[in-house]
Amino acid sequence: MNELGTIWNLDECIDRRLITTKLKQLEKDGKIDFKVSGDILKIEDIDLEDSDIDTLIKLFEDNDVFEEPDYEDEFGESDDDGFADYDDEY
């Protein structure tokens, strides 16, 4: 079973439109959530099948999209999923 990384770099991506179209399709199908910020793509696997993961990895390889396992955002946090936590007490 392949595992899909959560953070990817689109800096050298050959066809962003193709990548975005595939990601939107998977999001519409309820299989992922994703967010693009500049050249950084964050993906949350909700219900991807192995064949979906293989397809995405191949698509990323063919379009020079590289995994960023050591990425840290501007606050030095690497595990932020980009989704707000509204039930926190202040």
N, C-alpha and C. Protein backbone atom coordinates (compact mmCIF):
# COMPACT_ATOMS: atom_id res chain seq x y z
N MET A 1 0.84 -1.19 0.00
CA MET A 1 0.00 0.00 0.00
C MET A 1 0.88 1.24 0.00
N ASN A 2 0.64 2.13 -0.92
CA ASN A 2 1.35 3.40 -0.96
C ASN A 2 0.72 4.38 0.01
N GLU A 3 1.54 5.30 0.47
CA GLU A 3 1.04 6.33 1.36
C GLU A 3 1.29 7.68 0.71
N LEU A 4 0.28 8.52 0.74
CA LEU A 4 0.37 9.83 0.12
C LEU A 4 0.85 10.84 1.16
N GLY A 5 1.91 11.57 0.84
CA GLY A 5 2.38 12.62 1.73
C GLY A 5 1.34 13.73 1.87
N THR A 6 1.47 14.53 2.89
CA THR A 6 0.46 15.58 3.12
C THR A 6 0.88 16.93 2.57
N ILE A 7 2.18 17.18 2.41
CA ILE A 7 2.64 18.50 1.95
C ILE A 7 3.50 18.33 0.71
N TRP A 8 3.15 19.09 -0.34
CA TRP A 8 3.80 18.99 -1.64
C TRP A 8 4.19 20.37 -2.14
N ASN A 9 5.26 20.45 -2.93
CA ASN A 9 5.75 21.71 -3.48
C ASN A 9 5.39 21.79 -4.96
N LEU A 10 4.67 22.86 -5.33
CA LEU A 10 4.25 23.07 -6.71
C LEU A 10 5.16 24.02 -7.48
N ASP A 11 6.28 24.40 -6.88
CA ASP A 11 7.17 25.40 -7.47
C ASP A 11 7.59 25.06 -8.90
N GLU A 12 7.90 23.81 -9.17
CA GLU A 12 8.37 23.40 -10.50
C GLU A 12 7.30 22.66 -11.30
N CYS A 13 6.05 22.75 -10.86
CA CYS A 13 4.96 22.02 -11.48
C CYS A 13 4.79 22.42 -12.95
N ILE A 14 4.69 21.42 -13.81
CA ILE A 14 4.56 21.63 -15.24
C ILE A 14 3.14 22.07 -15.62
N ASP A 15 2.11 21.45 -15.03
CA ASP A 15 0.72 21.73 -15.39
C ASP A 15 -0.15 21.84 -14.15
N ARG A 16 -0.17 23.01 -13.53
CA ARG A 16 -0.96 23.21 -12.31
C ARG A 16 -2.45 23.00 -12.55
N ARG A 17 -2.91 23.39 -13.74
CA ARG A 17 -4.34 23.24 -14.03
C ARG A 17 -4.75 21.76 -13.98
N LEU A 18 -3.92 20.89 -14.55
CA LEU A 18 -4.20 19.45 -14.52
C LEU A 18 -4.22 18.93 -13.08
N ILE A 19 -3.24 19.34 -12.29
CA ILE A 19 -3.16 18.93 -10.89
C ILE A 19 -4.39 19.41 -10.13
N THR A 20 -4.73 20.69 -10.28
CA THR A 20 -5.87 21.28 -9.58
C THR A 20 -7.18 20.60 -9.97
N THR A 21 -7.34 20.32 -11.25
CA THR A 21 -8.55 19.65 -11.72
C THR A 21 -8.72 18.29 -11.06
N LYS A 22 -7.64 17.50 -11.00
CA LYS A 22 -7.71 16.18 -10.37
C LYS A 22 -8.00 16.30 -8.88
N LEU A 23 -7.36 17.26 -8.20
CA LEU A 23 -7.60 17.44 -6.77
C LEU A 23 -9.04 17.86 -6.50
N LYS A 24 -9.58 18.76 -7.32
CA LYS A 24 -10.97 19.19 -7.14
C LYS A 24 -11.94 18.04 -7.36
N GLN A 25 -11.63 17.16 -8.32
CA GLN A 25 -12.47 15.99 -8.57
C GLN A 25 -12.48 15.08 -7.34
N LEU A 26 -11.30 14.82 -6.77
CA LEU A 26 -11.22 13.97 -5.59
C LEU A 26 -11.89 14.62 -4.38
N GLU A 27 -11.79 15.95 -4.28
CA GLU A 27 -12.45 16.66 -3.18
C GLU A 27 -13.97 16.56 -3.34
N LYS A 28 -14.46 16.75 -4.56
CA LYS A 28 -15.90 16.64 -4.83
C LYS A 28 -16.41 15.25 -4.50
N ASP A 29 -15.59 14.22 -4.75
CA ASP A 29 -15.96 12.84 -4.45
C ASP A 29 -15.86 12.53 -2.96
N GLY A 30 -15.39 13.49 -2.15
CA GLY A 30 -15.28 13.30 -0.71
C GLY A 30 -14.09 12.47 -0.28
N LYS A 31 -13.08 12.39 -1.15
CA LYS A 31 -11.92 11.55 -0.85
C LYS A 31 -10.76 12.32 -0.23
N ILE A 32 -10.69 13.64 -0.45
CA ILE A 32 -9.62 14.47 0.12
C ILE A 32 -10.16 15.85 0.47
N ASP A 33 -9.42 16.55 1.28
CA ASP A 33 -9.50 18.00 1.45
C ASP A 33 -8.13 18.50 1.04
N PHE A 34 -8.07 19.65 0.39
CA PHE A 34 -6.77 20.20 0.03
C PHE A 34 -6.80 21.71 0.09
N LYS A 35 -5.60 22.27 0.21
CA LYS A 35 -5.43 23.72 0.30
C LYS A 35 -4.11 24.05 -0.39
N VAL A 36 -4.14 25.10 -1.22
CA VAL A 36 -2.93 25.58 -1.87
C VAL A 36 -2.62 26.96 -1.33
N SER A 37 -1.39 27.15 -0.88
CA SER A 37 -0.94 28.44 -0.38
C SER A 37 0.40 28.74 -1.06
N GLY A 38 0.36 29.64 -2.05
CA GLY A 38 1.57 29.91 -2.83
C GLY A 38 1.95 28.67 -3.62
N ASP A 39 3.15 28.16 -3.36
CA ASP A 39 3.62 26.95 -4.04
C ASP A 39 3.44 25.69 -3.19
N ILE A 40 2.80 25.81 -2.04
CA ILE A 40 2.65 24.68 -1.13
C ILE A 40 1.23 24.12 -1.20
N LEU A 41 1.16 22.82 -1.41
CA LEU A 41 -0.10 22.09 -1.48
C LEU A 41 -0.19 21.19 -0.25
N LYS A 42 -1.29 21.32 0.49
CA LYS A 42 -1.53 20.45 1.65
C LYS A 42 -2.74 19.57 1.33
N ILE A 43 -2.58 18.27 1.52
CA ILE A 43 -3.64 17.31 1.23
C ILE A 43 -3.98 16.53 2.49
N GLU A 44 -5.28 16.41 2.76
CA GLU A 44 -5.74 15.55 3.85
C GLU A 44 -6.50 14.38 3.21
N ASP A 45 -5.99 13.18 3.41
CA ASP A 45 -6.61 11.96 2.88
C ASP A 45 -7.81 11.61 3.74
N ILE A 46 -9.00 11.68 3.15
CA ILE A 46 -10.22 11.33 3.87
C ILE A 46 -10.64 9.90 3.56
N ASP A 47 -10.66 9.55 2.28
CA ASP A 47 -11.13 8.22 1.89
C ASP A 47 -10.52 7.78 0.56
N LEU A 48 -9.23 8.01 0.37
CA LEU A 48 -8.58 7.62 -0.87
C LEU A 48 -8.37 6.11 -0.92
N GLU A 49 -8.62 5.53 -2.08
CA GLU A 49 -8.32 4.13 -2.31
C GLU A 49 -6.88 4.04 -2.79
N ASP A 50 -6.30 2.85 -2.72
CA ASP A 50 -4.91 2.66 -3.17
C ASP A 50 -4.73 3.09 -4.62
N SER A 51 -5.72 2.83 -5.46
CA SER A 51 -5.61 3.21 -6.88
C SER A 51 -5.60 4.73 -7.03
N ASP A 52 -6.35 5.46 -6.18
CA ASP A 52 -6.34 6.92 -6.21
C ASP A 52 -4.96 7.45 -5.81
N ILE A 53 -4.38 6.85 -4.79
CA ILE A 53 -3.06 7.26 -4.31
C ILE A 53 -2.01 7.02 -5.40
N ASP A 54 -2.07 5.85 -6.02
CA ASP A 54 -1.12 5.54 -7.10
C ASP A 54 -1.26 6.53 -8.25
N THR A 55 -2.50 6.88 -8.60
CA THR A 55 -2.76 7.84 -9.68
C THR A 55 -2.19 9.21 -9.34
N LEU A 56 -2.43 9.66 -8.10
CA LEU A 56 -1.92 10.98 -7.68
C LEU A 56 -0.40 11.00 -7.67
N ILE A 57 0.21 9.98 -7.13
CA ILE A 57 1.67 9.93 -7.07
C ILE A 57 2.26 9.97 -8.48
N LYS A 58 1.68 9.20 -9.40
CA LYS A 58 2.15 9.19 -10.79
C LYS A 58 1.94 10.56 -11.43
N LEU A 59 0.79 11.18 -11.19
CA LEU A 59 0.50 12.51 -11.73
C LEU A 59 1.50 13.54 -11.19
N PHE A 60 1.80 13.46 -9.90
CA PHE A 60 2.77 14.38 -9.30
C PHE A 60 4.16 14.15 -9.88
N GLU A 61 4.57 12.90 -10.02
CA GLU A 61 5.89 12.60 -10.60
C GLU A 61 6.00 13.13 -12.03
N ASP A 62 4.95 12.93 -12.82
CA ASP A 62 4.96 13.35 -14.22
C ASP A 62 4.97 14.87 -14.38
N ASN A 63 4.53 15.59 -13.33
CA ASN A 63 4.41 17.05 -13.41
C ASN A 63 5.35 17.79 -12.47
N ASP A 64 6.38 17.11 -12.00
CA ASP A 64 7.40 17.72 -11.14
C ASP A 64 6.82 18.39 -9.89
N VAL A 65 5.93 17.66 -9.22
CA VAL A 65 5.41 18.09 -7.92
C VAL A 65 6.11 17.22 -6.89
N PHE A 66 6.81 17.87 -5.96
CA PHE A 66 7.67 17.15 -5.02
C PHE A 66 7.14 17.21 -3.60
N GLU A 67 7.26 16.08 -2.90
CA GLU A 67 6.84 16.01 -1.50
C GLU A 67 7.77 16.86 -0.64
N GLU A 68 7.20 17.51 0.37
CA GLU A 68 7.95 18.35 1.31
C GLU A 68 7.76 17.81 2.72
N PRO A 69 8.42 16.71 3.07
CA PRO A 69 8.19 16.11 4.39
C PRO A 69 8.69 16.97 5.55
N ASP A 70 9.63 17.86 5.32
CA ASP A 70 10.19 18.69 6.39
C ASP A 70 9.68 20.11 6.38
N TYR A 71 8.59 20.38 5.67
CA TYR A 71 8.06 21.74 5.54
C TYR A 71 7.54 22.27 6.87
N GLU A 72 7.86 23.51 7.15
CA GLU A 72 7.30 24.21 8.31
C GLU A 72 6.71 25.51 7.82
N ASP A 73 5.51 25.84 8.31
CA ASP A 73 4.88 27.08 7.88
C ASP A 73 5.57 28.28 8.55
N GLU A 74 5.04 29.47 8.31
CA GLU A 74 5.70 30.68 8.79
C GLU A 74 5.77 30.78 10.31
N PHE A 75 5.00 29.96 11.03
CA PHE A 75 5.03 29.97 12.48
C PHE A 75 5.86 28.82 13.04
N GLY A 76 6.52 28.06 12.15
CA GLY A 76 7.35 26.95 12.58
C GLY A 76 6.59 25.69 12.92
N GLU A 77 5.30 25.65 12.54
CA GLU A 77 4.48 24.49 12.82
C GLU A 77 4.38 23.63 11.57
N SER A 78 4.65 22.35 11.70
CA SER A 78 4.60 21.48 10.54
C SER A 78 3.37 20.58 10.52
N ASP A 79 2.61 20.52 11.60
CA ASP A 79 1.47 19.60 11.63
C ASP A 79 0.13 20.31 11.54
N ASP A 80 0.10 21.57 11.19
CA ASP A 80 -1.14 22.30 11.03
C ASP A 80 -1.86 21.83 9.77
N ASP A 81 -3.11 21.40 9.93
CA ASP A 81 -3.84 20.88 8.78
C ASP A 81 -4.57 21.97 8.00
N GLY A 82 -4.50 23.22 8.46
CA GLY A 82 -5.14 24.32 7.75
C GLY A 82 -6.62 24.48 8.05
N PHE A 83 -7.13 23.67 8.95
CA PHE A 83 -8.54 23.75 9.28
C PHE A 83 -8.68 24.31 10.69
N ALA A 84 -9.57 25.29 10.86
CA ALA A 84 -9.74 25.97 12.14
C ALA A 84 -10.34 25.03 13.19
N ASP A 85 -9.94 25.26 14.42
CA ASP A 85 -10.45 24.50 15.54
C ASP A 85 -11.32 25.45 16.37
N TYR A 86 -12.62 25.53 16.05
CA TYR A 86 -13.48 26.54 16.64
C TYR A 86 -13.97 26.19 18.04
N ASP A 87 -13.70 25.01 18.52
CA ASP A 87 -14.18 24.66 19.86
C ASP A 87 -13.14 24.94 20.95
N ASP A 88 -12.02 25.57 20.60
CA ASP A 88 -11.03 25.94 21.62
C ASP A 88 -11.56 27.07 22.48
N GLU A 89 -11.28 26.99 23.78
CA GLU A 89 -11.67 28.07 24.70
C GLU A 89 -10.55 29.08 24.78
N TYR A 90 -10.93 30.34 24.87
CA TYR A 90 -9.93 31.41 24.97
C TYR A 90 -10.00 32.08 26.30
